[in-house]
Amino acid sequence: MPWQDNSGNRGPWGQPPRGSNGGSNNGGKGGGEPPDLEDILQASRQRLKKVFPRGGRNGGGGGGVPKLNPTTFGFIGAGLVGLWVFSGIYQVAPAELAVVTTFGSYETVTGPGLHWRIPSPVQEVNKQQALKVQEMQVPVVERRSGVLSPGLMLTGDKNIVDVVFTVQWKIKSSLIPEQGETMPGVAKFVFNIDGPQELVRMIAEASMREIVGRNTLDFVQTEGRLEVQEQTQTLMQTTLDEYNAGIQVEGVLLTSTEPPTEEVNEAFRDVQAAEQNQATVIQNARQYTNRVVPEARGQAQRILEEAGAYSARVTADARGQAARFEEIYTEYAKAPDVTRQRMYLETVERVLGGMDKIIIDEDAGSGVVPYLPLNELRSQQGGN
């Protein structure tokens, strides 16, 4: 509202205006009235004049630019330095860790509480939620009918399983570097990675696919769930440590290991049946080949060996008979009569040698035939 109303009898606080003799705050009529705005402004001007004295053109007390003496400069400088030093105070929340950098280079890590660092631009503070466990579901997709989910994974026995799992992770909360390291985990998290959520998701999905690919469908869906979770967590932690990400995997939980949609199952069963039929036919053909080919080769080898043996036997027999005939013929040509007689005797001896008969020549004598006990003599000869 205006300073005075139209009647000129009331001020902005509903009081009558002060007269020319009531300008003092302690003066008679105005002693119980609120302070006047003009008086407040006038008092402020007087204080400023004491700090910034004015000098006239001729050194008088007239108006002019303020004079800045050394004392004034000292007050201003001390105030600015105090504000700059005070700006170095920072507070770290209970669930946070702060990474302090000096001109962009790692300096140290501070925990919860009040701390001081050299103010900007010398040192900066980067606060991270290092003590908070974060949770992520993989895959992060909207399931729609007829659309393959990124959670479809191939098992070791060539089956397909739709896997959904949850990963719990946080920033490593150590304030000092581990043995052989130059920075603690939270500093690695700040300096080495960009987009931690995407990094954790990609590594989690790749690790789960590798572990599922090593095992069968039944193992993943039933008794092997706990082992799959532990192996995935170990593989994730190893990979993140290789990247120097400064992230600690707290746990992996399988929430769903379901078969894919019915259409995919039907197509997959057809493919699997065709592969099994192909494998069966190939196996049967190989078994038949492995059975028939060795038998045929064995029979052929046996026939060749028998033919070679028969040829060698017949050839040797023929050669022996020819050589014997040539020897006999040579001896016969020398003495035909003697040879014929010898051949006759040898033949008779061979034919009659095993017969139990005694032959006496009729020209052995006439008249009384002497008795010769030939049978007894033969028996004695046989006994001896």
Protein backbone atom coordinates (compact mmCIF):
# COMPACT_ATOMS: atom_id res chain seq x y z
CA MET A 1 0.00 0.00 0.00
CA PRO A 2 1.28 3.61 -0.39
CA TRP A 3 3.21 5.34 2.30
CA GLN A 4 0.26 7.59 3.13
CA ASP A 5 -3.33 7.20 2.17
CA ASN A 6 -5.28 9.84 0.31
CA SER A 7 -6.28 11.60 3.52
CA GLY A 8 -2.64 11.94 4.48
CA ASN A 9 -3.39 10.88 8.07
CA ARG A 10 -2.09 7.25 8.24
CA GLY A 11 1.19 5.55 7.40
CA PRO A 12 1.89 2.03 6.03
CA TRP A 13 1.47 0.45 9.52
CA GLY A 14 -1.83 2.15 10.18
CA GLN A 15 -0.29 4.95 12.34
CA PRO A 16 -0.52 8.69 11.76
CA PRO A 17 2.54 10.18 9.99
CA ARG A 18 5.20 11.60 12.16
CA GLY A 19 5.62 15.35 12.26
CA SER A 20 8.69 17.39 11.62
CA ASN A 21 9.64 17.24 15.29
CA GLY A 22 9.23 13.46 15.64
CA GLY A 23 12.15 12.23 13.54
CA SER A 24 14.04 10.70 16.43
CA ASN A 25 13.40 7.05 17.31
CA ASN A 26 13.52 8.02 20.96
CA GLY A 27 11.53 11.23 20.57
CA GLY A 28 8.33 12.02 22.43
CA LYS A 29 5.32 11.04 20.34
CA GLY A 30 7.01 8.39 18.24
CA GLY A 31 8.56 6.44 21.11
CA GLY A 32 6.06 3.59 20.97
CA GLU A 33 5.67 3.43 17.18
CA PRO A 34 7.32 0.90 14.84
CA PRO A 35 10.66 1.94 13.30
CA ASP A 36 10.42 4.08 10.23
CA LEU A 37 11.77 2.59 6.98
CA GLU A 38 13.51 5.83 6.13
CA ASP A 39 15.29 5.82 9.50
CA ILE A 40 16.49 2.27 8.92
CA LEU A 41 17.87 3.15 5.48
CA GLN A 42 19.51 6.29 6.89
CA ALA A 43 21.23 4.29 9.65
CA SER A 44 22.53 1.79 7.06
CA ARG A 45 23.96 4.62 5.00
CA GLN A 46 25.78 5.98 8.06
CA ARG A 47 27.38 2.62 8.76
CA LEU A 48 28.55 2.27 5.15
CA LYS A 49 30.06 5.75 5.27
CA LYS A 50 32.14 4.70 8.26
CA VAL A 51 33.51 1.70 6.34
CA PHE A 52 33.87 3.50 3.00
CA PRO A 53 34.62 7.18 3.76
CA ARG A 54 34.04 9.63 0.94
CA GLY A 55 36.41 12.43 -0.03
CA GLY A 56 35.57 15.63 -1.91
CA ARG A 57 37.34 16.98 -4.87
CA ASN A 58 39.35 19.33 -2.67
CA GLY A 59 39.65 16.97 0.25
CA GLY A 60 36.42 18.25 1.79
CA GLY A 61 33.54 16.23 3.03
CA GLY A 62 31.49 16.58 -0.14
CA GLY A 63 30.27 13.67 -2.30
CA GLY A 64 32.64 11.55 -4.44
CA VAL A 65 33.92 8.01 -4.99
CA PRO A 66 34.61 5.86 -1.86
CA LYS A 67 38.14 5.69 -0.55
CA LEU A 68 39.54 2.10 -0.07
CA ASN A 69 42.19 2.08 2.61
CA PRO A 70 44.45 -0.93 3.50
CA THR A 71 42.20 -1.89 6.36
CA THR A 72 39.28 -2.23 3.97
CA PHE A 73 41.32 -4.40 1.62
CA GLY A 74 42.34 -6.59 4.54
CA PHE A 75 38.75 -7.14 5.62
CA ILE A 76 37.66 -7.98 2.09
CA GLY A 77 40.58 -10.37 1.48
CA ALA A 78 40.11 -12.11 4.80
CA GLY A 79 36.42 -12.54 4.11
CA LEU A 80 37.03 -14.02 0.66
CA VAL A 81 39.71 -16.37 1.96
CA GLY A 82 37.44 -17.45 4.79
CA LEU A 83 34.60 -18.17 2.39
CA TRP A 84 36.97 -20.12 0.09
CA VAL A 85 38.34 -22.21 2.97
CA PHE A 86 34.84 -22.78 4.35
CA SER A 87 33.70 -24.06 0.94
CA GLY A 88 36.09 -27.00 1.36
CA ILE A 89 33.93 -28.56 4.06
CA TYR A 90 31.76 -31.41 2.77
CA GLN A 91 29.59 -34.08 4.34
CA VAL A 92 29.38 -37.76 3.33
CA ALA A 93 26.10 -39.55 4.05
CA PRO A 94 26.10 -42.86 6.00
CA ALA A 95 25.53 -44.93 2.82
CA GLU A 96 28.11 -43.06 0.75
CA LEU A 97 31.82 -42.99 0.05
CA ALA A 98 33.57 -39.96 -1.42
CA VAL A 99 36.46 -40.04 -3.90
CA VAL A 100 38.71 -37.00 -3.57
CA THR A 101 40.68 -35.94 -6.65
CA THR A 102 43.45 -33.37 -6.99
CA PHE A 103 43.35 -31.67 -10.38
CA GLY A 104 41.46 -34.74 -11.69
CA SER A 105 43.91 -37.33 -10.29
CA TYR A 106 43.00 -39.79 -7.53
CA GLU A 107 43.93 -38.59 -4.05
CA THR A 108 42.01 -40.57 -1.40
CA VAL A 109 38.64 -42.03 -0.33
CA THR A 110 36.71 -40.75 2.69
CA GLY A 111 33.89 -42.40 4.59
CA PRO A 112 30.70 -41.06 6.17
CA GLY A 113 30.94 -37.85 8.21
CA LEU A 114 32.24 -34.27 7.91
CA HIS A 115 35.51 -33.78 6.03
CA TRP A 116 37.57 -30.98 4.55
CA ARG A 117 39.42 -30.85 1.29
CA ILE A 118 41.24 -28.12 -0.54
CA PRO A 119 38.45 -26.16 -2.21
CA SER A 120 37.93 -25.94 -5.96
CA PRO A 121 39.58 -25.86 -8.34
CA VAL A 122 42.35 -27.75 -6.54
CA GLN A 123 40.39 -30.72 -5.20
CA GLU A 124 36.98 -32.12 -6.09
CA VAL A 125 34.71 -34.67 -4.40
CA ASN A 126 32.75 -37.42 -6.16
CA LYS A 127 30.20 -39.11 -3.88
CA GLN A 128 28.90 -42.61 -4.63
CA GLN A 129 26.27 -44.86 -3.02
CA ALA A 130 28.97 -47.43 -2.18
CA LEU A 131 27.21 -49.12 0.75
CA LYS A 132 23.85 -49.61 -0.98
CA VAL A 133 23.11 -53.02 -2.52
CA GLN A 134 21.49 -52.59 -5.92
CA GLU A 135 19.28 -55.17 -7.60
CA MET A 136 18.81 -55.82 -11.29
CA GLN A 137 16.61 -58.26 -13.19
CA VAL A 138 18.02 -59.85 -16.34
CA PRO A 139 16.73 -59.73 -19.03
CA VAL A 140 14.94 -56.41 -18.72
CA VAL A 141 12.35 -56.87 -21.51
CA GLU A 142 8.64 -56.89 -21.90
CA ARG A 143 7.43 -60.39 -22.68
CA ARG A 144 5.12 -60.45 -25.65
CA SER A 145 3.49 -63.41 -27.30
CA GLY A 146 5.15 -64.44 -30.51
CA VAL A 147 8.36 -62.51 -29.79
CA LEU A 148 11.48 -64.37 -28.73
CA SER A 149 12.77 -63.20 -25.38
CA PRO A 150 16.48 -62.35 -24.96
CA GLY A 151 16.36 -64.80 -22.04
CA LEU A 152 16.29 -67.79 -24.41
CA MET A 153 19.50 -69.75 -23.89
CA LEU A 154 20.91 -72.94 -25.43
CA THR A 155 21.80 -75.73 -22.99
CA GLY A 156 24.57 -78.28 -23.29
CA ASP A 157 22.18 -80.97 -24.59
CA LYS A 158 20.93 -78.65 -27.37
CA ASN A 159 17.70 -77.67 -25.64
CA ILE A 160 16.34 -74.14 -25.22
CA VAL A 161 15.39 -72.63 -21.87
CA ASP A 162 13.99 -69.18 -21.05
CA VAL A 163 16.02 -67.93 -18.08
CA VAL A 164 15.13 -64.95 -15.89
CA PHE A 165 17.39 -64.14 -12.95
CA THR A 166 18.19 -61.35 -10.50
CA VAL A 167 21.64 -59.90 -9.77
CA GLN A 168 22.52 -58.09 -6.54
CA TRP A 169 25.63 -55.91 -6.67
CA LYS A 170 27.27 -52.92 -4.99
CA ILE A 171 30.40 -50.84 -5.16
CA LYS A 172 33.36 -52.26 -3.27
CA SER A 173 33.41 -50.40 0.04
CA SER A 174 37.06 -50.71 1.03
CA LEU A 175 38.71 -47.38 1.88
CA ILE A 176 42.22 -48.62 1.08
CA PRO A 177 43.51 -50.36 -2.07
CA GLU A 178 43.80 -54.12 -2.09
CA GLN A 179 47.21 -55.77 -2.17
CA GLY A 180 48.88 -55.04 -5.48
CA GLU A 181 46.33 -52.35 -6.43
CA THR A 182 46.74 -48.58 -6.65
CA MET A 183 43.14 -47.53 -5.97
CA PRO A 184 40.28 -48.90 -3.82
CA GLY A 185 37.14 -50.26 -5.42
CA VAL A 186 35.07 -47.08 -5.33
CA ALA A 187 37.84 -45.15 -7.10
CA LYS A 188 37.98 -47.83 -9.82
CA PHE A 189 34.22 -47.52 -10.15
CA VAL A 190 34.55 -43.75 -10.71
CA PHE A 191 37.55 -43.76 -13.05
CA ASN A 192 37.33 -47.02 -15.05
CA ILE A 193 33.71 -47.56 -16.08
CA ASP A 194 30.93 -45.56 -17.69
CA GLY A 195 27.36 -46.85 -17.41
CA PRO A 196 27.66 -49.42 -14.59
CA GLN A 197 24.06 -50.65 -14.97
CA GLU A 198 24.57 -51.62 -18.59
CA LEU A 199 27.97 -53.16 -17.84
CA VAL A 200 26.60 -55.36 -15.05
CA ARG A 201 23.64 -56.42 -17.21
CA MET A 202 25.80 -57.42 -20.18
CA ILE A 203 28.32 -59.35 -18.05
CA ALA A 204 25.51 -61.07 -16.11
CA GLU A 205 23.74 -62.23 -19.27
CA ALA A 206 26.98 -63.41 -20.93
CA SER A 207 28.03 -65.32 -17.79
CA MET A 208 24.63 -67.00 -17.43
CA ARG A 209 24.64 -68.06 -21.10
CA GLU A 210 28.07 -69.64 -20.68
CA ILE A 211 27.10 -71.56 -17.53
CA VAL A 212 23.77 -72.75 -19.00
CA GLY A 213 25.59 -73.86 -22.15
CA ARG A 214 27.78 -76.16 -20.06
CA ASN A 215 24.86 -78.05 -18.46
CA THR A 216 21.78 -79.96 -19.52
CA LEU A 217 18.20 -78.69 -19.43
CA ASP A 218 17.16 -80.98 -16.57
CA PHE A 219 20.17 -79.91 -14.50
CA VAL A 220 19.39 -76.20 -14.96
CA GLN A 221 15.70 -76.63 -14.13
CA THR A 222 16.00 -78.98 -11.14
CA GLU A 223 18.87 -79.97 -8.90
CA GLY A 224 21.51 -77.76 -10.52
CA ARG A 225 19.90 -74.36 -9.89
CA LEU A 226 22.07 -73.56 -6.88
CA GLU A 227 25.25 -74.62 -8.66
CA VAL A 228 24.32 -72.57 -11.73
CA GLN A 229 23.80 -69.50 -9.51
CA GLU A 230 27.16 -69.94 -7.77
CA GLN A 231 29.07 -70.53 -11.00
CA THR A 232 27.46 -67.49 -12.62
CA GLN A 233 28.32 -65.28 -9.64
CA THR A 234 31.94 -66.47 -9.68
CA LEU A 235 32.29 -65.91 -13.43
CA MET A 236 30.72 -62.44 -13.16
CA GLN A 237 33.08 -61.42 -10.33
CA THR A 238 36.11 -62.68 -12.26
CA THR A 239 35.10 -60.72 -15.36
CA LEU A 240 34.39 -57.51 -13.43
CA ASP A 241 37.74 -57.77 -11.65
CA GLU A 242 39.47 -58.12 -15.01
CA TYR A 243 37.81 -54.87 -16.08
CA ASN A 244 38.86 -53.19 -12.77
CA ALA A 245 35.24 -52.11 -12.36
CA GLY A 246 35.27 -51.86 -8.56
CA ILE A 247 31.97 -53.78 -8.34
CA GLN A 248 31.18 -56.58 -5.88
CA VAL A 249 28.58 -59.17 -6.92
CA GLU A 250 26.54 -60.01 -3.83
CA GLY A 251 24.40 -62.76 -5.32
CA VAL A 252 22.64 -64.29 -8.33
CA LEU A 253 19.13 -65.72 -8.00
CA LEU A 254 17.37 -67.77 -10.68
CA THR A 255 13.73 -66.71 -10.69
CA SER A 256 12.54 -68.61 -13.76
CA THR A 257 13.87 -71.44 -15.94
CA GLU A 258 10.90 -72.17 -18.18
CA PRO A 259 10.77 -73.76 -21.63
CA PRO A 260 10.05 -71.36 -24.50
CA THR A 261 6.66 -70.88 -26.18
CA GLU A 262 4.82 -73.86 -27.68
CA GLU A 263 5.55 -72.78 -31.25
CA VAL A 264 9.26 -72.67 -30.55
CA ASN A 265 9.08 -76.01 -28.73
CA GLU A 266 7.31 -77.65 -31.68
CA ALA A 267 9.82 -76.36 -34.20
CA PHE A 268 12.69 -77.30 -31.95
CA ARG A 269 11.31 -80.83 -31.47
CA ASP A 270 11.05 -81.26 -35.25
CA VAL A 271 14.62 -80.13 -35.71
CA GLN A 272 15.80 -82.37 -32.89
CA ALA A 273 13.91 -85.38 -34.29
CA ALA A 274 15.40 -84.82 -37.75
CA GLU A 275 18.88 -84.58 -36.24
CA GLN A 276 18.33 -87.80 -34.29
CA ASN A 277 17.07 -89.61 -37.40
CA GLN A 278 20.04 -88.39 -39.36
CA ALA A 279 22.40 -89.51 -36.64
CA THR A 280 20.68 -92.93 -36.46
CA VAL A 281 20.93 -93.51 -40.23
CA ILE A 282 24.56 -92.44 -40.29
CA GLN A 283 25.36 -94.68 -37.33
CA ASN A 284 23.64 -97.69 -38.92
CA ALA A 285 25.51 -97.13 -42.19
CA ARG A 286 28.79 -96.90 -40.34
CA GLN A 287 28.04 -100.10 -38.40
CA TYR A 288 27.16 -101.94 -41.63
CA THR A 289 30.33 -100.66 -43.28
CA ASN A 290 32.44 -101.64 -40.29
CA ARG A 291 30.95 -105.13 -40.33
CA VAL A 292 30.83 -105.93 -44.09
CA VAL A 293 34.08 -104.37 -45.29
CA PRO A 294 36.35 -106.29 -42.86
CA GLU A 295 34.53 -109.57 -43.65
CA ALA A 296 34.94 -109.04 -47.41
CA ARG A 297 38.57 -108.13 -46.98
CA GLY A 298 39.13 -111.21 -44.81
CA GLN A 299 37.47 -113.55 -47.31
CA ALA A 300 39.47 -112.06 -50.17
CA GLN A 301 42.68 -112.42 -48.23
CA ARG A 302 41.84 -116.03 -47.30
CA ILE A 303 41.09 -116.93 -50.94
CA LEU A 304 44.34 -115.35 -52.06
CA GLU A 305 46.31 -117.23 -49.41
CA GLU A 306 44.61 -120.56 -50.27
CA ALA A 307 45.26 -120.04 -53.97
CA GLY A 308 48.89 -119.23 -53.26
CA ALA A 309 49.29 -122.32 -51.05
CA TYR A 310 47.60 -124.60 -53.63
CA SER A 311 49.77 -123.19 -56.38
CA ALA A 312 52.92 -123.69 -54.34
CA ARG A 313 51.91 -127.24 -53.33
CA VAL A 314 50.97 -128.40 -56.84
CA THR A 315 54.03 -126.79 -58.37
CA ALA A 316 56.38 -128.38 -55.82
CA ASP A 317 54.71 -131.79 -56.23
CA ALA A 318 54.97 -131.62 -59.99
CA ARG A 319 58.56 -130.54 -59.83
CA GLY A 320 59.37 -133.37 -57.38
CA GLN A 321 57.71 -136.02 -59.55
CA ALA A 322 59.50 -134.71 -62.62
CA ALA A 323 62.84 -134.75 -60.82
CA ARG A 324 62.21 -138.28 -59.52
CA PHE A 325 61.24 -139.49 -62.95
CA GLU A 326 64.35 -137.99 -64.44
CA GLU A 327 66.54 -139.70 -61.83
CA ILE A 328 64.86 -143.07 -62.36
CA TYR A 329 65.09 -142.73 -66.08
CA THR A 330 68.80 -141.91 -65.85
CA GLU A 331 69.48 -145.07 -63.79
CA TYR A 332 67.25 -147.17 -66.03
CA ALA A 333 69.13 -146.03 -69.11
CA LYS A 334 72.38 -147.23 -67.57
CA ALA A 335 71.17 -150.81 -66.80
CA PRO A 336 67.64 -151.57 -67.96
CA ASP A 337 67.50 -155.20 -66.79
CA VAL A 338 68.89 -154.60 -63.34
CA THR A 339 66.70 -151.56 -62.90
CA ARG A 340 63.59 -153.47 -63.93
CA GLN A 341 64.50 -156.27 -61.51
CA ARG A 342 65.11 -153.85 -58.66
CA MET A 343 61.90 -152.05 -59.35
CA TYR A 344 60.04 -155.35 -59.36
CA LEU A 345 61.53 -156.48 -56.07
CA GLU A 346 60.88 -153.16 -54.42
CA THR A 347 57.28 -153.28 -55.58
CA VAL A 348 56.75 -156.86 -54.36
CA GLU A 349 58.39 -156.02 -51.05
CA ARG A 350 56.12 -153.01 -50.62
CA VAL A 351 53.01 -155.07 -51.50
CA LEU A 352 53.75 -158.35 -49.70
CA GLY A 353 55.85 -156.99 -46.83
CA GLY A 354 52.92 -156.83 -44.43
CA MET A 355 51.40 -160.26 -45.28
CA ASP A 356 51.72 -163.27 -42.84
CA LYS A 357 52.67 -165.91 -45.46
CA ILE A 358 55.65 -168.16 -46.12
CA ILE A 359 56.42 -168.95 -49.73
CA ILE A 360 58.74 -171.89 -50.60
CA ASP A 361 60.10 -172.27 -54.03
CA GLU A 362 59.05 -175.51 -55.62
CA ASP A 363 62.59 -175.99 -56.89
CA ALA A 364 63.94 -176.01 -53.37
CA GLY A 365 64.18 -179.80 -53.42
CA SER A 366 62.38 -183.03 -54.30
CA GLY A 367 61.39 -185.85 -52.04
CA VAL A 368 61.38 -185.12 -48.37
CA VAL A 369 60.90 -181.43 -47.63
CA PRO A 370 62.96 -180.45 -44.61
CA TYR A 371 60.98 -178.97 -41.75
CA LEU A 372 61.85 -175.41 -40.94
CA PRO A 373 60.01 -173.75 -38.01
CA LEU A 374 59.77 -170.45 -39.82
CA ASN A 375 56.86 -169.17 -37.71
CA GLU A 376 58.78 -169.73 -34.47
CA LEU A 377 61.85 -168.07 -35.91
CA ARG A 378 59.78 -165.06 -36.90
CA SER A 379 58.28 -164.87 -33.42
CA GLN A 380 61.71 -164.99 -31.81
CA GLN A 381 62.97 -162.34 -34.18
CA GLY A 382 60.01 -160.16 -33.32
CA GLY A 383 60.62 -160.66 -29.55
CA ASN A 384 64.25 -159.77 -29.86
